[in-house]
Amino acid sequence: MEQPIRILIVEDNVIIADDMQSMLEEIGYEIVDNVIVYEQAEEVLKNHEVDLVLIDIILASDKTGIDLGKHIRENYDIPFIFVTSNSDRATVENAKTVKPNGYLVKPFEQQDLYTSIEIALSNFIYSEGKQSANTSDMDVPMSNSVLKDSIFVKKQHLYYRIQFEDIQFIKADNVYLEVNTVDKKFLVRSPLKDYLEKLPKNKFYRAHKSYIVNVDHIDAINSKDIMINNNLIPISKEFKEFIISAMNS
């Protein structure tokens, strides 16, 4: 099922933090937590699924937002954005050392926050996809990142996380792909072959030139088709032989 992007706010000004949370929830994001110091953020990251972190550079603790950014960069493959009142050269240069995915200067409006998050997510997803494409020929496992058990799909103005297990099949339709879950369809602009590279190789297979299927959702099979959730999907001879062999093994 689709899940909104889960955001952790790390901001020691409670009024600003509450305003940010209200802005984000109004747009449609989910706030995992709203904390004020490095140690609290570290605990949340350890115990909860987080898709993106908004970090104030100056925190109410010895460790700064830049320290937290370094911790995230070294231990988690998720994007983070610095949200700060400081835009002087020294602060910016210091922030650049941990390669944030965005830098937002206070005060800001809801649209500024939304734009920064969406650009950070878009660039992050693109770089992940590029990394997978560059390493796929060497059979290197996909990075344990936000794509570890799910994939981002954009719907209207937000990115949503779709669990791999909920994807039943994917159909190519001209320049778009139709990603089918149990009860929803999402349109994605991507070649079928490239999208297949992003999916777990033990579950998703190219069943036909125009289809990728999740084998866990196959309900029935005959000589030419498989059935998934009452949808008849054509299959190639090779895929039929593969499925029958798997069933008999």
C-alpha atoms as a PDB file:
ATOM      1  CA  MET A   1       0.000   0.000   0.000  1.00  0.00           C
ATOM      2  CA  GLU A   2       1.123   3.549  -0.561  1.00  0.00           C
ATOM      3  CA  GLN A   3       2.731   5.345   2.366  1.00  0.00           C
ATOM      4  CA  PRO A   4       3.483   9.066   2.673  1.00  0.00           C
ATOM      5  CA  ILE A   5       7.109  10.123   2.972  1.00  0.00           C
ATOM      6  CA  ARG A   6       8.222   9.819   6.601  1.00  0.00           C
ATOM      7  CA  ILE A   7      10.149  12.843   7.870  1.00  0.00           C
ATOM      8  CA  LEU A   8      12.161  13.426  11.039  1.00  0.00           C
ATOM      9  CA  ILE A   9      12.421  17.055  12.211  1.00  0.00           C
ATOM     10  CA  VAL A  10      15.491  18.010  14.272  1.00  0.00           C
ATOM     11  CA  GLU A  11      14.999  21.602  15.454  1.00  0.00           C
ATOM     12  CA  ASP A  12      15.688  23.087  18.897  1.00  0.00           C
ATOM     13  CA  ASN A  13      13.266  26.000  18.516  1.00  0.00           C
ATOM     14  CA  VAL A  14       9.980  24.387  19.535  1.00  0.00           C
ATOM     15  CA  ILE A  15       7.808  27.056  17.906  1.00  0.00           C
ATOM     16  CA  ILE A  16       9.593  26.714  14.544  1.00  0.00           C
ATOM     17  CA  ALA A  17       9.521  22.912  14.835  1.00  0.00           C
ATOM     18  CA  ASP A  18       5.776  22.884  15.482  1.00  0.00           C
ATOM     19  CA  ASP A  19       5.197  25.258  12.546  1.00  0.00           C
ATOM     20  CA  MET A  20       7.243  22.988  10.280  1.00  0.00           C
ATOM     21  CA  GLN A  21       5.299  19.938  11.417  1.00  0.00           C
ATOM     22  CA  SER A  22       1.969  21.651  10.715  1.00  0.00           C
ATOM     23  CA  MET A  23       3.144  22.754   7.249  1.00  0.00           C
ATOM     24  CA  LEU A  24       4.373  19.273   6.371  1.00  0.00           C
ATOM     25  CA  GLU A  25       1.308  17.424   7.626  1.00  0.00           C
ATOM     26  CA  GLU A  26      -0.927  19.836   5.719  1.00  0.00           C
ATOM     27  CA  ILE A  27       0.925  18.966   2.494  1.00  0.00           C
ATOM     28  CA  GLY A  28       0.591  15.233   3.160  1.00  0.00           C
ATOM     29  CA  TYR A  29       3.911  14.126   4.678  1.00  0.00           C
ATOM     30  CA  GLU A  30       4.099  11.959   7.796  1.00  0.00           C
ATOM     31  CA  ILE A  31       6.154  13.229  10.750  1.00  0.00           C
ATOM     32  CA  VAL A  32       7.982  10.364  12.455  1.00  0.00           C
ATOM     33  CA  ASP A  33       9.138  12.573  15.321  1.00  0.00           C
ATOM     34  CA  ASN A  34      10.039  16.131  16.244  1.00  0.00           C
ATOM     35  CA  VAL A  35      13.214  16.300  18.390  1.00  0.00           C
ATOM     36  CA  ILE A  36      15.604  18.989  19.596  1.00  0.00           C
ATOM     37  CA  VAL A  37      19.035  17.344  20.052  1.00  0.00           C
ATOM     38  CA  TYR A  38      21.473  15.035  18.269  1.00  0.00           C
ATOM     39  CA  GLU A  39      21.037  12.163  20.738  1.00  0.00           C
ATOM     40  CA  GLN A  40      17.252  12.075  20.318  1.00  0.00           C
ATOM     41  CA  ALA A  41      17.598  12.107  16.533  1.00  0.00           C
ATOM     42  CA  GLU A  42      20.122   9.261  16.685  1.00  0.00           C
ATOM     43  CA  GLU A  43      17.638   7.193  18.729  1.00  0.00           C
ATOM     44  CA  VAL A  44      14.757   7.848  16.316  1.00  0.00           C
ATOM     45  CA  LEU A  45      16.891   6.885  13.304  1.00  0.00           C
ATOM     46  CA  LYS A  46      17.913   3.667  15.035  1.00  0.00           C
ATOM     47  CA  ASN A  47      14.363   2.588  15.895  1.00  0.00           C
ATOM     48  CA  HIS A  48      12.113   3.965  13.137  1.00  0.00           C
ATOM     49  CA  GLU A  49      11.871   4.019   9.356  1.00  0.00           C
ATOM     50  CA  VAL A  50      12.743   7.532   8.168  1.00  0.00           C
ATOM     51  CA  ASP A  51      12.785   8.668   4.534  1.00  0.00           C
ATOM     52  CA  LEU A  52      14.178  12.191   4.968  1.00  0.00           C
ATOM     53  CA  VAL A  53      15.550  14.354   7.811  1.00  0.00           C
ATOM     54  CA  LEU A  54      15.210  18.123   8.256  1.00  0.00           C
ATOM     55  CA  ILE A  55      18.079  19.339  10.449  1.00  0.00           C
ATOM     56  CA  ASP A  56      18.767  22.672  12.119  1.00  0.00           C
ATOM     57  CA  ILE A  57      22.540  23.264  12.110  1.00  0.00           C
ATOM     58  CA  ILE A  58      22.635  24.783  15.604  1.00  0.00           C
ATOM     59  CA  LEU A  59      21.132  22.387  18.169  1.00  0.00           C
ATOM     60  CA  ALA A  60      20.611  22.514  21.928  1.00  0.00           C
ATOM     61  CA  SER A  61      23.488  20.113  22.538  1.00  0.00           C
ATOM     62  CA  ASP A  62      27.263  19.842  22.146  1.00  0.00           C
ATOM     63  CA  LYS A  63      26.814  18.039  18.844  1.00  0.00           C
ATOM     64  CA  THR A  64      25.563  20.128  15.945  1.00  0.00           C
ATOM     65  CA  GLY A  65      23.324  19.441  12.987  1.00  0.00           C
ATOM     66  CA  ILE A  66      26.470  19.013  10.914  1.00  0.00           C
ATOM     67  CA  ASP A  67      27.557  16.217  13.269  1.00  0.00           C
ATOM     68  CA  LEU A  68      24.147  14.629  12.731  1.00  0.00           C
ATOM     69  CA  GLY A  69      24.479  15.040   8.968  1.00  0.00           C
ATOM     70  CA  LYS A  70      27.833  13.229   9.122  1.00  0.00           C
ATOM     71  CA  HIS A  71      26.261  10.446  11.219  1.00  0.00           C
ATOM     72  CA  ILE A  72      23.449  10.019   8.668  1.00  0.00           C
ATOM     73  CA  ARG A  73      25.846  10.048   5.726  1.00  0.00           C
ATOM     74  CA  GLU A  74      28.003   7.343   7.350  1.00  0.00           C
ATOM     75  CA  ASN A  75      25.224   5.091   8.652  1.00  0.00           C
ATOM     76  CA  TYR A  76      22.025   5.626   6.639  1.00  0.00           C
ATOM     77  CA  ASP A  77      21.320   5.940   2.950  1.00  0.00           C
ATOM     78  CA  ILE A  78      18.641   8.632   3.237  1.00  0.00           C
ATOM     79  CA  PRO A  79      18.544  12.292   2.172  1.00  0.00           C
ATOM     80  CA  PHE A  80      18.727  15.175   4.649  1.00  0.00           C
ATOM     81  CA  ILE A  81      18.252  18.931   4.374  1.00  0.00           C
ATOM     82  CA  PHE A  82      19.822  21.592   6.578  1.00  0.00           C
ATOM     83  CA  VAL A  83      17.288  24.157   7.785  1.00  0.00           C
ATOM     84  CA  THR A  84      19.098  27.121   9.335  1.00  0.00           C
ATOM     85  CA  SER A  85      19.212  30.848   9.992  1.00  0.00           C
ATOM     86  CA  ASN A  86      22.898  30.870   9.093  1.00  0.00           C
ATOM     87  CA  SER A  87      23.836  31.485   5.488  1.00  0.00           C
ATOM     88  CA  ASP A  88      27.317  32.946   5.998  1.00  0.00           C
ATOM     89  CA  ARG A  89      30.168  31.523   3.978  1.00  0.00           C
ATOM     90  CA  ALA A  90      31.841  29.684   6.888  1.00  0.00           C
ATOM     91  CA  THR A  91      28.620  27.857   7.856  1.00  0.00           C
ATOM     92  CA  VAL A  92      27.826  26.944   4.256  1.00  0.00           C
ATOM     93  CA  GLU A  93      31.363  25.653   3.643  1.00  0.00           C
ATOM     94  CA  ASN A  94      31.195  23.609   6.850  1.00  0.00           C
ATOM     95  CA  ALA A  95      27.796  22.211   5.860  1.00  0.00           C
ATOM     96  CA  LYS A  96      29.069  21.219   2.409  1.00  0.00           C
ATOM     97  CA  THR A  97      31.577  18.810   3.966  1.00  0.00           C
ATOM     98  CA  VAL A  98      28.775  16.342   4.797  1.00  0.00           C
ATOM     99  CA  LYS A  99      27.054  16.723   1.402  1.00  0.00           C
ATOM    100  CA  PRO A 100      23.487  17.631   2.414  1.00  0.00           C
ATOM    101  CA  ASN A 101      20.722  17.060  -0.131  1.00  0.00           C
ATOM    102  CA  GLY A 102      19.425  20.581   0.433  1.00  0.00           C
ATOM    103  CA  TYR A 103      19.976  23.821   2.361  1.00  0.00           C
ATOM    104  CA  LEU A 104      16.971  25.913   3.380  1.00  0.00           C
ATOM    105  CA  VAL A 105      17.408  29.317   5.038  1.00  0.00           C
ATOM    106  CA  LYS A 106      14.922  30.567   7.644  1.00  0.00           C
ATOM    107  CA  PRO A 107      12.444  32.178   7.536  1.00  0.00           C
ATOM    108  CA  PHE A 108      10.674  30.244   4.794  1.00  0.00           C
ATOM    109  CA  GLU A 109       7.163  29.585   3.505  1.00  0.00           C
ATOM    110  CA  GLN A 110       5.361  26.259   3.143  1.00  0.00           C
ATOM    111  CA  GLN A 111       6.063  26.245  -0.606  1.00  0.00           C
ATOM    112  CA  ASP A 112       9.805  26.698   0.018  1.00  0.00           C
ATOM    113  CA  LEU A 113       9.782  23.706   2.380  1.00  0.00           C
ATOM    114  CA  TYR A 114       7.803  21.576  -0.070  1.00  0.00           C
ATOM    115  CA  THR A 115      10.061  22.487  -3.000  1.00  0.00           C
ATOM    116  CA  SER A 116      13.252  21.718  -1.056  1.00  0.00           C
ATOM    117  CA  ILE A 117      11.945  18.313   0.042  1.00  0.00           C
ATOM    118  CA  GLU A 118      10.686  17.285  -3.398  1.00  0.00           C
ATOM    119  CA  ILE A 119      13.916  18.331  -5.145  1.00  0.00           C
ATOM    120  CA  ALA A 120      16.010  16.524  -2.520  1.00  0.00           C
ATOM    121  CA  LEU A 121      13.924  13.349  -2.914  1.00  0.00           C
ATOM    122  CA  SER A 122      13.920  13.543  -6.698  1.00  0.00           C
ATOM    123  CA  ASN A 123      17.698  14.001  -6.897  1.00  0.00           C
ATOM    124  CA  PHE A 124      18.259  11.261  -4.334  1.00  0.00           C
ATOM    125  CA  ILE A 125      16.037   8.777  -6.179  1.00  0.00           C
ATOM    126  CA  TYR A 126      17.701   9.660  -9.490  1.00  0.00           C
ATOM    127  CA  SER A 127      21.196   9.156  -8.064  1.00  0.00           C
ATOM    128  CA  GLU A 128      20.134   5.813  -6.553  1.00  0.00           C
ATOM    129  CA  GLY A 129      18.767   4.682  -9.895  1.00  0.00           C
ATOM    130  CA  LYS A 130      21.905   5.815 -11.667  1.00  0.00           C
ATOM    131  CA  GLN A 131      24.068   3.942  -9.170  1.00  0.00           C
ATOM    132  CA  SER A 132      22.050   0.756  -9.680  1.00  0.00           C
ATOM    133  CA  ALA A 133      22.272   1.094 -13.470  1.00  0.00           C
ATOM    134  CA  ASN A 134      26.031   1.625 -13.337  1.00  0.00           C
ATOM    135  CA  THR A 135      26.599  -1.415 -11.128  1.00  0.00           C
ATOM    136  CA  SER A 136      24.018  -3.853 -12.451  1.00  0.00           C
ATOM    137  CA  ASP A 137      26.355  -5.397 -15.024  1.00  0.00           C
ATOM    138  CA  MET A 138      28.726  -6.370 -12.200  1.00  0.00           C
ATOM    139  CA  ASP A 139      25.890  -8.023 -10.252  1.00  0.00           C
ATOM    140  CA  VAL A 140      26.412  -5.740  -7.237  1.00  0.00           C
ATOM    141  CA  PRO A 141      23.491  -5.893  -4.766  1.00  0.00           C
ATOM    142  CA  MET A 142      21.174  -2.898  -4.629  1.00  0.00           C
ATOM    143  CA  SER A 143      22.086  -0.386  -1.942  1.00  0.00           C
ATOM    144  CA  ASN A 144      20.320  -0.908   1.399  1.00  0.00           C
ATOM    145  CA  SER A 145      18.531   2.395   1.227  1.00  0.00           C
ATOM    146  CA  VAL A 146      14.969   3.661   0.981  1.00  0.00           C
ATOM    147  CA  LEU A 147      14.694   1.085  -1.835  1.00  0.00           C
ATOM    148  CA  LYS A 148      15.510  -1.785   0.491  1.00  0.00           C
ATOM    149  CA  ASP A 149      11.922  -3.016   0.771  1.00  0.00           C
ATOM    150  CA  SER A 150      10.054  -0.498  -1.342  1.00  0.00           C
ATOM    151  CA  ILE A 151      10.219   2.011  -4.155  1.00  0.00           C
ATOM    152  CA  PHE A 152       9.160   5.628  -4.521  1.00  0.00           C
ATOM    153  CA  VAL A 153       6.346   6.428  -6.937  1.00  0.00           C
ATOM    154  CA  LYS A 154       5.209   9.972  -7.625  1.00  0.00           C
ATOM    155  CA  LYS A 155       1.465  10.580  -7.478  1.00  0.00           C
ATOM    156  CA  GLN A 156       0.199  14.087  -8.172  1.00  0.00           C
ATOM    157  CA  HIS A 157       2.511  16.343  -6.146  1.00  0.00           C
ATOM    158  CA  LEU A 158       4.044  13.877  -3.664  1.00  0.00           C
ATOM    159  CA  TYR A 159       6.352  10.882  -3.661  1.00  0.00           C
ATOM    160  CA  TYR A 160       4.872   7.783  -2.036  1.00  0.00           C
ATOM    161  CA  ARG A 161       6.616   4.673  -0.822  1.00  0.00           C
ATOM    162  CA  ILE A 162       5.214   1.436  -2.320  1.00  0.00           C
ATOM    163  CA  GLN A 163       6.190  -1.817  -0.657  1.00  0.00           C
ATOM    164  CA  PHE A 164       7.668  -4.301  -3.146  1.00  0.00           C
ATOM    165  CA  GLU A 165       5.385  -7.025  -1.803  1.00  0.00           C
ATOM    166  CA  ASP A 166       2.324  -4.954  -2.740  1.00  0.00           C
ATOM    167  CA  ILE A 167       3.312  -4.638  -6.417  1.00  0.00           C
ATOM    168  CA  GLN A 168       1.486  -7.326  -8.408  1.00  0.00           C
ATOM    169  CA  PHE A 169       2.590  -6.565 -11.968  1.00  0.00           C
ATOM    170  CA  ILE A 170       3.910  -3.761 -14.155  1.00  0.00           C
ATOM    171  CA  LYS A 171       2.699  -3.137 -17.688  1.00  0.00           C
ATOM    172  CA  ALA A 172       4.521  -1.096 -20.340  1.00  0.00           C
ATOM    173  CA  ASP A 173       2.313   1.396 -22.155  1.00  0.00           C
ATOM    174  CA  ASN A 174       4.254   3.514 -24.675  1.00  0.00           C
ATOM    175  CA  VAL A 175       6.676   5.707 -22.679  1.00  0.00           C
ATOM    176  CA  TYR A 176       4.912   4.974 -19.381  1.00  0.00           C
ATOM    177  CA  LEU A 177       4.732   2.025 -17.035  1.00  0.00           C
ATOM    178  CA  GLU A 178       1.541   1.122 -15.204  1.00  0.00           C
ATOM    179  CA  VAL A 179       2.501  -0.117 -11.729  1.00  0.00           C
ATOM    180  CA  ASN A 180      -0.365  -2.235 -10.364  1.00  0.00           C
ATOM    181  CA  THR A 181      -0.869  -2.910  -6.667  1.00  0.00           C
ATOM    182  CA  VAL A 182      -3.803  -4.732  -5.084  1.00  0.00           C
ATOM    183  CA  ASP A 183      -6.105  -1.724  -5.350  1.00  0.00           C
ATOM    184  CA  LYS A 184      -4.260   1.071  -7.174  1.00  0.00           C
ATOM    185  CA  LYS A 185      -2.411   1.929 -10.376  1.00  0.00           C
ATOM    186  CA  PHE A 186       0.494   4.353 -10.692  1.00  0.00           C
ATOM    187  CA  LEU A 187       1.977   5.781 -13.880  1.00  0.00           C
ATOM    188  CA  VAL A 188       5.769   5.950 -14.059  1.00  0.00           C
ATOM    189  CA  ARG A 189       7.893   7.256 -16.917  1.00  0.00           C
ATOM    190  CA  SER A 190      10.630   4.662 -17.394  1.00  0.00           C
ATOM    191  CA  PRO A 191      11.764   1.889 -19.761  1.00  0.00           C
ATOM    192  CA  LEU A 192      10.590  -1.527 -18.531  1.00  0.00           C
ATOM    193  CA  LYS A 193      14.117  -2.935 -18.521  1.00  0.00           C
ATOM    194  CA  ASP A 194      15.442  -0.099 -16.346  1.00  0.00           C
ATOM    195  CA  TYR A 195      12.598  -0.467 -13.861  1.00  0.00           C
ATOM    196  CA  LEU A 196      13.198  -4.198 -13.559  1.00  0.00           C
ATOM    197  CA  GLU A 197      16.745  -3.422 -12.362  1.00  0.00           C
ATOM    198  CA  LYS A 198      15.307  -1.625  -9.329  1.00  0.00           C
ATOM    199  CA  LEU A 199      13.182  -4.564  -8.174  1.00  0.00           C
ATOM    200  CA  PRO A 200      14.200  -7.636  -6.131  1.00  0.00           C
ATOM    201  CA  LYS A 201      15.524 -10.229  -8.550  1.00  0.00           C
ATOM    202  CA  ASN A 202      14.081 -13.188  -6.625  1.00  0.00           C
ATOM    203  CA  LYS A 203      10.482 -11.920  -6.920  1.00  0.00           C
ATOM    204  CA  PHE A 204      10.129  -9.890 -10.122  1.00  0.00           C
ATOM    205  CA  TYR A 205      10.584 -11.323 -13.623  1.00  0.00           C
ATOM    206  CA  ARG A 206      10.026 -10.209 -17.182  1.00  0.00           C
ATOM    207  CA  ALA A 207       7.106 -12.448 -18.107  1.00  0.00           C
ATOM    208  CA  HIS A 208       6.559 -10.873 -21.529  1.00  0.00           C
ATOM    209  CA  LYS A 209       8.062  -8.023 -23.551  1.00  0.00           C
ATOM    210  CA  SER A 210       5.461  -5.680 -22.021  1.00  0.00           C
ATOM    211  CA  TYR A 211       5.104  -7.106 -18.498  1.00  0.00           C
ATOM    212  CA  ILE A 212       7.007  -7.550 -15.261  1.00  0.00           C
ATOM    213  CA  VAL A 213       5.283  -9.780 -12.686  1.00  0.00           C
ATOM    214  CA  ASN A 214       5.707 -10.489  -9.001  1.00  0.00           C
ATOM    215  CA  VAL A 215       5.698 -14.291  -8.858  1.00  0.00           C
ATOM    216  CA  ASP A 216       4.212 -14.247  -5.349  1.00  0.00           C
ATOM    217  CA  HIS A 217       0.950 -12.918  -6.834  1.00  0.00           C
ATOM    218  CA  ILE A 218       0.448 -15.494  -9.606  1.00  0.00           C
ATOM    219  CA  ASP A 219      -2.934 -17.182  -9.083  1.00  0.00           C
ATOM    220  CA  ALA A 220      -3.075 -19.462 -12.150  1.00  0.00           C
ATOM    221  CA  ILE A 221      -1.205 -20.367 -15.333  1.00  0.00           C
ATOM    222  CA  ASN A 222      -1.994 -21.919 -18.719  1.00  0.00           C
ATOM    223  CA  SER A 223       0.001 -22.353 -21.906  1.00  0.00           C
ATOM    224  CA  LYS A 224      -0.176 -18.665 -22.888  1.00  0.00           C
ATOM    225  CA  ASP A 225      -1.116 -16.615 -19.829  1.00  0.00           C
ATOM    226  CA  ILE A 226      -0.902 -16.225 -16.097  1.00  0.00           C
ATOM    227  CA  MET A 227      -3.615 -14.761 -13.896  1.00  0.00           C
ATOM    228  CA  ILE A 228      -2.949 -12.154 -11.223  1.00  0.00           C
ATOM    229  CA  ASN A 229      -5.907 -10.688  -9.335  1.00  0.00           C
ATOM    230  CA  ASN A 230      -8.283 -11.576 -12.222  1.00  0.00           C
ATOM    231  CA  ASN A 231      -5.953  -9.972 -14.785  1.00  0.00           C
ATOM    232  CA  LEU A 232      -4.831 -12.215 -17.661  1.00  0.00           C
ATOM    233  CA  ILE A 233      -1.195 -11.483 -18.504  1.00  0.00           C
ATOM    234  CA  PRO A 234       0.511 -12.943 -21.597  1.00  0.00           C
ATOM    235  CA  ILE A 235       3.752 -14.824 -20.991  1.00  0.00           C
ATOM    236  CA  SER A 236       6.692 -15.827 -23.130  1.00  0.00           C
ATOM    237  CA  LYS A 237       7.650 -19.445 -23.741  1.00  0.00           C
ATOM    238  CA  GLU A 238      10.790 -18.966 -21.639  1.00  0.00           C
ATOM    239  CA  PHE A 239       8.853 -17.579 -18.683  1.00  0.00           C
ATOM    240  CA  LYS A 240       6.306 -20.411 -18.875  1.00  0.00           C
ATOM    241  CA  GLU A 241       9.102 -22.968 -18.766  1.00  0.00           C
ATOM    242  CA  PHE A 242      10.713 -21.128 -15.847  1.00  0.00           C
ATOM    243  CA  ILE A 243       7.493 -21.021 -13.819  1.00  0.00           C
ATOM    244  CA  ILE A 244       6.623 -24.679 -14.444  1.00  0.00           C
ATOM    245  CA  SER A 245      10.162 -25.688 -13.518  1.00  0.00           C
ATOM    246  CA  ALA A 246       9.958 -23.617 -10.304  1.00  0.00           C
ATOM    247  CA  MET A 247       6.610 -25.173  -9.405  1.00  0.00           C
ATOM    248  CA  ASN A 248       7.972 -28.689  -9.878  1.00  0.00           C
ATOM    249  CA  SER A 249      11.207 -28.162  -7.991  1.00  0.00           C
END
